[in-house]
Amino acid sequence: MVARRGDKIRNAVSTGVRCRLQNDSMPNNPGRLVYGTIAVGALLAAESARQETYVETVFAVAITLLLYWLAHSYSEFVDRRLEHAKPFSLDGFAEAARHELAVLVGAAIPLIVLVIWWVAGASLGAAVGAAVWTSGIVIVGIEIVIGRRAELSGREFVTQTAFGAMLGLLVIALRLLLH
């Protein structure tokens, strides 16, 4: 039987060749991108621009994100140690921390937007608003990229993207509810 072109493509996708090539630039833990983006968006959504300054806001967000990253890294490390019955080691923790770096990457985008607005001379309230909206947009963007790379179409693609949009809108809604 002669293999059809469509069968070859499906076989390549199912074996992961195409997925690996397309995802080379994506962190090895893309779910953490979403988590980092949601975390910084929610943190900024709760920010009160009337009581804070840019410096306080940027440093508070940076410290909180560092804590999120370390917490994720440590919890991943604890899981691995328990699963493999291994003792604590700095090398093991460093490996887990590298695996969780995508949390910081996802969080960096809205934080960079905040800093850009600061440099541009915008009010802190406007900058925080822009960063929160950026968080929502990035979440949807990540879902779109993942859906396209997974070659989803129709209902699957719409469902995945809609779920990302719902998460993004929840971050924005938090900002609207609190301010």
Foldseek 3Di string as FASTA:
>chain_A
DDDDPVNVVVVCVVVCVLLCVLCVVPAPCNVLLLVLLLVLLLVLLLDDLVVDDLVVSLVVSVVVLVVVLLVQLVVVLVVVCVVVVHDDDPVSSVVSSSSNCSSVVSNVVLSVQLVVCVVVPHRNVVSSLVSLLVSLVVLLVSQQSVCVSSVHDDPVSCVSSVVSNVSSVVSNVSSVVND
